[in-house]
N, C-alpha and C. Protein backbone atom coordinates (compact mmCIF):
# COMPACT_ATOMS: atom_id res chain seq x y z
N UNK A 1 175.89 104.76 19.95
CA UNK A 1 176.75 103.62 19.69
C UNK A 1 178.03 104.06 18.97
N UNK A 2 179.20 103.72 19.51
CA UNK A 2 180.45 104.14 18.85
C UNK A 2 180.60 103.51 17.47
N UNK A 3 181.34 104.19 16.61
CA UNK A 3 181.56 103.67 15.26
C UNK A 3 182.47 102.45 15.31
N UNK A 4 182.37 101.60 14.29
CA UNK A 4 183.17 100.38 14.22
C UNK A 4 184.67 100.69 14.29
N UNK A 5 185.07 101.71 13.54
CA UNK A 5 186.49 102.08 13.48
C UNK A 5 187.01 102.47 14.86
N UNK A 6 186.16 103.15 15.64
CA UNK A 6 186.55 103.59 16.98
C UNK A 6 186.76 102.38 17.88
N UNK A 7 185.82 101.45 17.84
CA UNK A 7 185.94 100.24 18.66
C UNK A 7 187.20 99.47 18.28
N UNK A 8 187.47 99.39 16.98
CA UNK A 8 188.66 98.67 16.51
C UNK A 8 189.94 99.35 16.97
N UNK A 9 189.93 100.70 16.92
CA UNK A 9 191.11 101.46 17.35
C UNK A 9 191.38 101.22 18.84
N UNK A 10 190.30 101.19 19.63
CA UNK A 10 190.43 100.96 21.07
C UNK A 10 190.93 99.53 21.35
N UNK A 11 190.38 98.56 20.60
CA UNK A 11 190.81 97.16 20.79
C UNK A 11 192.29 96.99 20.44
N UNK A 12 192.70 97.68 19.37
CA UNK A 12 194.10 97.61 18.94
C UNK A 12 195.01 98.16 20.03
N UNK A 13 194.58 99.26 20.66
CA UNK A 13 195.36 99.86 21.75
C UNK A 13 195.46 98.90 22.92
N UNK A 14 194.35 98.21 23.20
CA UNK A 14 194.34 97.26 24.31
C UNK A 14 195.29 96.09 24.02
N UNK A 15 195.21 95.57 22.78
CA UNK A 15 196.07 94.45 22.38
C UNK A 15 197.54 94.79 22.49
N UNK A 16 197.88 96.05 22.16
CA UNK A 16 199.30 96.42 22.20
C UNK A 16 199.72 96.93 23.58
N UNK A 17 198.88 96.67 24.59
CA UNK A 17 199.27 96.93 25.98
C UNK A 17 199.17 98.38 26.43
N UNK A 18 198.39 99.19 25.72
CA UNK A 18 198.24 100.60 26.12
C UNK A 18 197.35 100.71 27.35
N UNK A 19 197.46 101.83 28.04
CA UNK A 19 196.67 102.03 29.26
C UNK A 19 195.20 102.28 28.91
N UNK A 20 194.29 102.09 29.90
CA UNK A 20 192.87 102.35 29.63
C UNK A 20 192.61 103.78 29.12
N UNK A 21 193.36 104.75 29.63
CA UNK A 21 193.12 106.14 29.19
C UNK A 21 193.49 106.29 27.72
N UNK A 22 194.49 105.55 27.26
CA UNK A 22 194.86 105.60 25.84
C UNK A 22 193.79 104.93 24.99
N UNK A 23 193.26 103.82 25.51
CA UNK A 23 192.17 103.13 24.80
C UNK A 23 190.96 104.07 24.68
N UNK A 24 190.70 104.80 25.77
CA UNK A 24 189.55 105.73 25.78
C UNK A 24 189.77 106.89 24.83
N UNK A 25 191.02 107.18 24.51
CA UNK A 25 191.34 108.28 23.59
C UNK A 25 190.63 108.15 22.26
N UNK A 26 190.43 106.92 21.80
CA UNK A 26 189.74 106.70 20.53
C UNK A 26 188.31 107.23 20.60
N UNK A 27 187.67 107.03 21.75
CA UNK A 27 186.27 107.47 21.92
C UNK A 27 186.21 109.00 22.04
N UNK A 28 187.18 109.57 22.74
CA UNK A 28 187.22 111.03 22.90
C UNK A 28 187.43 111.67 21.53
N UNK A 29 188.33 111.07 20.74
CA UNK A 29 188.62 111.56 19.38
C UNK A 29 187.34 111.53 18.54
N UNK A 30 186.60 110.44 18.63
CA UNK A 30 185.35 110.32 17.88
C UNK A 30 184.38 111.43 18.28
N UNK A 31 184.31 111.68 19.58
CA UNK A 31 183.40 112.70 20.10
C UNK A 31 183.77 114.09 19.58
N UNK A 32 185.06 114.37 19.54
CA UNK A 32 185.54 115.66 19.03
C UNK A 32 185.12 115.81 17.57
N UNK A 33 185.25 114.72 16.80
CA UNK A 33 184.83 114.77 15.40
C UNK A 33 183.32 115.01 15.28
N UNK A 34 182.54 114.38 16.16
CA UNK A 34 181.09 114.56 16.12
C UNK A 34 180.73 116.03 16.34
N UNK A 35 181.38 116.65 17.33
CA UNK A 35 181.08 118.06 17.61
C UNK A 35 181.52 118.92 16.43
N UNK A 36 182.71 118.62 15.88
CA UNK A 36 183.20 119.42 14.75
C UNK A 36 182.31 119.30 13.52
N UNK A 37 181.77 118.11 13.28
CA UNK A 37 180.94 117.97 12.08
C UNK A 37 179.50 118.39 12.33
N UNK A 38 179.18 118.79 13.58
CA UNK A 38 177.88 119.35 13.87
C UNK A 38 176.79 118.38 14.30
N UNK A 39 177.16 117.15 14.66
CA UNK A 39 176.14 116.21 15.16
C UNK A 39 175.49 116.78 16.41
N UNK A 40 176.33 117.37 17.25
CA UNK A 40 175.85 118.10 18.43
C UNK A 40 176.98 119.00 18.88
N UNK A 41 176.72 119.84 19.89
CA UNK A 41 177.75 120.75 20.37
C UNK A 41 178.27 120.31 21.72
N UNK A 42 179.04 121.19 22.36
CA UNK A 42 179.52 120.93 23.72
C UNK A 42 179.72 122.27 24.39
N UNK A 43 179.34 122.33 25.67
CA UNK A 43 179.45 123.60 26.40
C UNK A 43 180.91 123.94 26.64
N UNK A 44 181.75 122.90 26.81
CA UNK A 44 183.17 123.14 27.05
C UNK A 44 183.96 121.95 26.55
N UNK A 45 185.25 122.15 26.47
CA UNK A 45 186.14 121.07 26.05
C UNK A 45 186.01 119.89 27.01
N UNK A 46 185.92 120.22 28.31
CA UNK A 46 185.80 119.18 29.33
C UNK A 46 184.56 118.32 29.09
N UNK A 47 183.47 118.95 28.67
CA UNK A 47 182.24 118.20 28.43
C UNK A 47 182.41 117.23 27.26
N UNK A 48 183.06 117.71 26.20
CA UNK A 48 183.28 116.84 25.03
C UNK A 48 184.12 115.63 25.43
N UNK A 49 185.14 115.87 26.25
CA UNK A 49 186.01 114.79 26.73
C UNK A 49 185.20 113.84 27.61
N UNK A 50 184.36 114.40 28.48
CA UNK A 50 183.55 113.59 29.40
C UNK A 50 182.59 112.68 28.64
N UNK A 51 182.00 113.19 27.57
CA UNK A 51 181.08 112.37 26.77
C UNK A 51 181.84 111.20 26.15
N UNK A 52 183.04 111.48 25.63
CA UNK A 52 183.88 110.43 25.04
C UNK A 52 184.26 109.38 26.06
N UNK A 53 184.61 109.81 27.27
CA UNK A 53 185.00 108.86 28.32
C UNK A 53 183.80 108.01 28.75
N UNK A 54 182.62 108.63 28.78
CA UNK A 54 181.41 107.89 29.15
C UNK A 54 181.14 106.78 28.13
N UNK A 55 181.32 107.12 26.84
CA UNK A 55 181.14 106.12 25.78
C UNK A 55 182.14 104.98 25.94
N UNK A 56 183.37 105.35 26.30
CA UNK A 56 184.42 104.34 26.48
C UNK A 56 184.05 103.39 27.62
N UNK A 57 183.52 103.96 28.71
CA UNK A 57 183.12 103.13 29.86
C UNK A 57 182.03 102.15 29.44
N UNK A 58 181.06 102.65 28.66
CA UNK A 58 179.97 101.78 28.21
C UNK A 58 180.47 100.67 27.29
N UNK A 59 181.54 100.98 26.56
CA UNK A 59 182.08 99.98 25.62
C UNK A 59 182.99 98.98 26.32
N UNK A 60 183.20 99.18 27.64
CA UNK A 60 183.96 98.19 28.40
C UNK A 60 185.40 98.54 28.70
N UNK A 61 185.82 99.79 28.42
CA UNK A 61 187.18 100.20 28.78
C UNK A 61 187.24 100.36 30.29
N UNK A 62 188.24 99.79 30.92
CA UNK A 62 188.31 99.78 32.38
C UNK A 62 188.82 101.12 32.93
N UNK A 63 187.93 102.11 32.91
CA UNK A 63 188.26 103.45 33.42
C UNK A 63 187.63 103.63 34.80
N UNK A 64 188.26 104.47 35.65
CA UNK A 64 187.62 104.74 36.95
C UNK A 64 186.30 105.49 36.72
N UNK A 65 185.37 105.40 37.67
CA UNK A 65 184.08 106.08 37.48
C UNK A 65 184.27 107.60 37.43
N UNK A 66 183.33 108.32 36.82
CA UNK A 66 183.47 109.77 36.71
C UNK A 66 183.43 110.42 38.09
N UNK A 67 184.07 111.60 38.26
CA UNK A 67 184.11 112.26 39.56
C UNK A 67 182.73 112.47 40.18
N UNK A 68 181.81 113.16 39.45
CA UNK A 68 180.45 113.32 39.98
C UNK A 68 179.46 113.52 38.84
N UNK A 69 179.39 114.76 38.25
CA UNK A 69 178.39 115.03 37.19
C UNK A 69 178.82 114.35 35.91
N UNK A 70 177.94 113.53 35.33
CA UNK A 70 178.29 112.89 34.06
C UNK A 70 177.62 113.64 32.92
N UNK A 71 178.27 113.66 31.78
CA UNK A 71 177.74 114.40 30.63
C UNK A 71 176.66 113.58 29.94
N UNK A 72 175.61 114.26 29.50
CA UNK A 72 174.57 113.56 28.74
C UNK A 72 174.66 114.02 27.30
N UNK A 73 173.99 113.34 26.42
CA UNK A 73 174.11 113.74 25.01
C UNK A 73 172.88 114.46 24.48
N UNK A 74 171.83 114.64 25.30
CA UNK A 74 170.65 115.34 24.81
C UNK A 74 170.85 116.85 24.87
N UNK A 75 171.42 117.33 25.96
CA UNK A 75 171.64 118.77 26.13
C UNK A 75 172.56 119.38 25.10
N UNK A 76 173.67 118.71 24.76
CA UNK A 76 174.65 119.32 23.85
C UNK A 76 174.13 119.68 22.47
N UNK A 77 172.93 119.20 22.11
CA UNK A 77 172.39 119.56 20.79
C UNK A 77 172.33 121.08 20.61
N UNK A 78 172.11 121.79 21.72
CA UNK A 78 171.95 123.24 21.62
C UNK A 78 173.26 123.99 21.84
N UNK A 79 174.32 123.27 22.14
CA UNK A 79 175.59 123.92 22.46
C UNK A 79 176.39 124.26 21.20
N UNK A 80 177.42 125.07 21.39
CA UNK A 80 178.24 125.52 20.27
C UNK A 80 179.29 124.49 19.86
N UNK A 81 180.12 124.88 18.90
CA UNK A 81 181.14 123.98 18.35
C UNK A 81 182.56 124.39 18.77
N UNK A 82 182.70 125.59 19.33
CA UNK A 82 184.05 126.11 19.61
C UNK A 82 184.76 125.36 20.74
N UNK A 83 184.01 124.54 21.48
CA UNK A 83 184.61 123.81 22.60
C UNK A 83 185.66 122.81 22.15
N UNK A 84 185.61 122.38 20.88
CA UNK A 84 186.59 121.41 20.40
C UNK A 84 187.51 121.99 19.32
N UNK A 85 187.67 123.32 19.34
CA UNK A 85 188.63 123.93 18.42
C UNK A 85 190.03 123.54 18.88
N UNK A 86 190.99 123.63 17.99
CA UNK A 86 192.37 123.29 18.33
C UNK A 86 192.83 124.12 19.53
N UNK A 87 192.44 125.40 19.51
CA UNK A 87 192.83 126.32 20.58
C UNK A 87 192.25 125.86 21.93
N UNK A 88 190.97 125.49 21.94
CA UNK A 88 190.30 125.07 23.18
C UNK A 88 190.90 123.77 23.71
N UNK A 89 191.15 122.82 22.81
CA UNK A 89 191.73 121.53 23.22
C UNK A 89 193.14 121.73 23.76
N UNK A 90 193.88 122.62 23.10
CA UNK A 90 195.26 122.88 23.51
C UNK A 90 195.30 123.51 24.91
N UNK A 91 194.42 124.48 25.16
CA UNK A 91 194.44 125.14 26.48
C UNK A 91 193.95 124.18 27.55
N UNK A 92 193.02 123.27 27.20
CA UNK A 92 192.56 122.25 28.14
C UNK A 92 193.71 121.32 28.52
N UNK A 93 194.47 120.90 27.53
CA UNK A 93 195.60 120.00 27.79
C UNK A 93 196.65 120.68 28.65
N UNK A 94 196.92 121.96 28.33
CA UNK A 94 197.93 122.70 29.10
C UNK A 94 197.50 122.89 30.55
N UNK A 95 196.22 123.25 30.77
CA UNK A 95 195.77 123.49 32.14
C UNK A 95 195.75 122.18 32.93
N UNK A 96 195.42 121.06 32.24
CA UNK A 96 195.43 119.75 32.91
C UNK A 96 196.86 119.39 33.31
N UNK A 97 197.81 119.70 32.43
CA UNK A 97 199.22 119.39 32.71
C UNK A 97 199.74 120.26 33.86
N UNK A 98 199.28 121.52 33.87
CA UNK A 98 199.75 122.44 34.92
C UNK A 98 199.32 122.00 36.30
N UNK A 99 198.18 121.31 36.37
CA UNK A 99 197.69 120.86 37.68
C UNK A 99 198.53 119.72 38.24
N UNK A 100 199.34 119.09 37.39
CA UNK A 100 200.18 117.98 37.84
C UNK A 100 201.56 118.52 38.21
N UNK A 101 202.22 117.83 39.15
CA UNK A 101 203.55 118.26 39.54
C UNK A 101 204.55 117.88 38.45
N UNK A 102 205.72 118.49 38.48
CA UNK A 102 206.75 118.21 37.48
C UNK A 102 207.12 116.73 37.52
N UNK A 103 207.22 116.19 38.75
CA UNK A 103 207.62 114.78 38.87
C UNK A 103 206.53 113.86 38.32
N UNK A 104 205.27 114.24 38.51
CA UNK A 104 204.15 113.43 37.98
C UNK A 104 204.18 113.45 36.45
N UNK A 105 204.43 114.63 35.87
CA UNK A 105 204.50 114.74 34.41
C UNK A 105 205.66 113.91 33.86
N UNK A 106 206.78 113.97 34.56
CA UNK A 106 207.95 113.23 34.11
C UNK A 106 207.71 111.72 34.19
N UNK A 107 207.10 111.27 35.30
CA UNK A 107 206.81 109.84 35.47
C UNK A 107 205.86 109.37 34.38
N UNK A 108 204.87 110.20 34.04
CA UNK A 108 203.90 109.86 33.02
C UNK A 108 204.60 109.71 31.66
N UNK A 109 205.51 110.63 31.37
CA UNK A 109 206.25 110.57 30.10
C UNK A 109 207.12 109.32 30.04
N UNK A 110 207.75 109.00 31.17
CA UNK A 110 208.60 107.80 31.22
C UNK A 110 207.77 106.55 30.97
N UNK A 111 206.58 106.50 31.60
CA UNK A 111 205.70 105.35 31.45
C UNK A 111 205.27 105.22 29.99
N UNK A 112 205.00 106.36 29.36
CA UNK A 112 204.56 106.36 27.96
C UNK A 112 205.63 105.78 27.05
N UNK A 113 206.89 106.08 27.31
CA UNK A 113 207.96 105.60 26.43
C UNK A 113 208.08 104.09 26.47
N UNK A 114 207.66 103.49 27.58
CA UNK A 114 207.79 102.03 27.70
C UNK A 114 206.87 101.28 26.74
N UNK A 115 205.71 101.88 26.41
CA UNK A 115 204.77 101.15 25.55
C UNK A 115 204.76 101.70 24.12
N UNK A 116 205.57 102.71 23.83
CA UNK A 116 205.51 103.36 22.52
C UNK A 116 206.04 102.51 21.37
N UNK A 117 207.21 101.92 21.54
CA UNK A 117 207.83 101.21 20.42
C UNK A 117 208.72 102.15 19.64
N UNK A 118 209.68 101.60 18.88
CA UNK A 118 210.72 102.41 18.24
C UNK A 118 210.20 103.47 17.27
N UNK A 119 209.23 103.12 16.44
CA UNK A 119 208.75 104.08 15.42
C UNK A 119 208.08 105.27 16.07
N UNK A 120 207.16 105.00 16.99
CA UNK A 120 206.45 106.11 17.66
C UNK A 120 207.40 106.92 18.52
N UNK A 121 208.39 106.25 19.12
CA UNK A 121 209.36 106.97 19.95
C UNK A 121 210.17 107.93 19.09
N UNK A 122 210.54 107.48 17.90
CA UNK A 122 211.30 108.32 16.97
C UNK A 122 210.47 109.53 16.56
N UNK A 123 209.20 109.31 16.24
CA UNK A 123 208.31 110.41 15.85
C UNK A 123 208.16 111.42 16.99
N UNK A 124 208.02 110.90 18.22
CA UNK A 124 207.86 111.77 19.38
C UNK A 124 209.11 112.60 19.59
N UNK A 125 210.28 111.97 19.41
CA UNK A 125 211.56 112.69 19.58
C UNK A 125 211.68 113.80 18.56
N UNK A 126 211.28 113.51 17.32
CA UNK A 126 211.33 114.54 16.28
C UNK A 126 210.40 115.70 16.61
N UNK A 127 209.20 115.36 17.10
CA UNK A 127 208.23 116.41 17.49
C UNK A 127 208.79 117.27 18.61
N UNK A 128 209.41 116.60 19.59
CA UNK A 128 209.97 117.32 20.74
C UNK A 128 211.09 118.26 20.29
N UNK A 129 211.92 117.77 19.37
CA UNK A 129 213.03 118.59 18.87
C UNK A 129 212.49 119.82 18.15
N UNK A 130 211.43 119.62 17.34
CA UNK A 130 210.82 120.76 16.64
C UNK A 130 210.24 121.77 17.62
N UNK A 131 209.60 121.26 18.67
CA UNK A 131 209.01 122.14 19.69
C UNK A 131 210.11 122.95 20.37
N UNK A 132 211.19 122.26 20.75
CA UNK A 132 212.31 122.97 21.40
C UNK A 132 212.85 124.07 20.50
N UNK A 133 213.01 123.74 19.22
CA UNK A 133 213.53 124.70 18.26
C UNK A 133 212.61 125.92 18.16
N UNK A 134 211.30 125.66 18.08
CA UNK A 134 210.32 126.73 17.97
C UNK A 134 210.36 127.63 19.20
N UNK A 135 210.47 126.99 20.39
CA UNK A 135 210.49 127.77 21.63
C UNK A 135 211.77 128.60 21.76
N UNK A 136 212.88 128.02 21.29
CA UNK A 136 214.15 128.77 21.32
C UNK A 136 214.05 129.99 20.44
N UNK A 137 213.47 129.80 19.23
CA UNK A 137 213.31 130.91 18.30
C UNK A 137 212.43 132.00 18.89
N UNK A 138 211.33 131.58 19.55
CA UNK A 138 210.40 132.52 20.15
C UNK A 138 211.09 133.30 21.27
N UNK A 139 211.89 132.59 22.08
CA UNK A 139 212.63 133.22 23.17
C UNK A 139 213.64 134.22 22.66
N UNK A 140 214.33 133.88 21.55
CA UNK A 140 215.34 134.75 20.97
C UNK A 140 214.70 136.02 20.40
N UNK A 141 213.52 135.85 19.81
CA UNK A 141 212.80 137.00 19.22
C UNK A 141 212.35 137.96 20.32
N UNK A 142 211.92 137.42 21.46
CA UNK A 142 211.46 138.25 22.57
C UNK A 142 212.63 139.01 23.21
N UNK A 143 213.79 138.34 23.26
CA UNK A 143 214.97 138.95 23.89
C UNK A 143 215.56 140.05 23.03
N UNK A 144 215.52 139.83 21.69
CA UNK A 144 216.15 140.77 20.75
C UNK A 144 215.24 141.87 20.42
């Protein structure tokens, strides 16, 4: 059963017009915390995400059905914790993004800006500027 705070976070996302995948993010986040605190493990980052999405579906988030194999929660008890490390989550996000075309990524970003609101948009812009700066510095160091 998802925690009260998670359900509330998902409801808040729904009320403010966020997409189902954003609403499901609350459940995925909860699952990542569960693995990190040792409630159970996960064989891979994808499995941890799949468990979170399954919980979201059960809680009534209107997500498409899973592709085929669904994650269960009995097996992960024996799995490790490294599947939800920052490094693992980051590489999962990058590989997922790489599978999408540039135009698909751009369209997704455009869609996201429509529901963000001024405060979150400002924060995102600041984050993007910092990332650009970091990448420029890294590029300059490699060239020099």
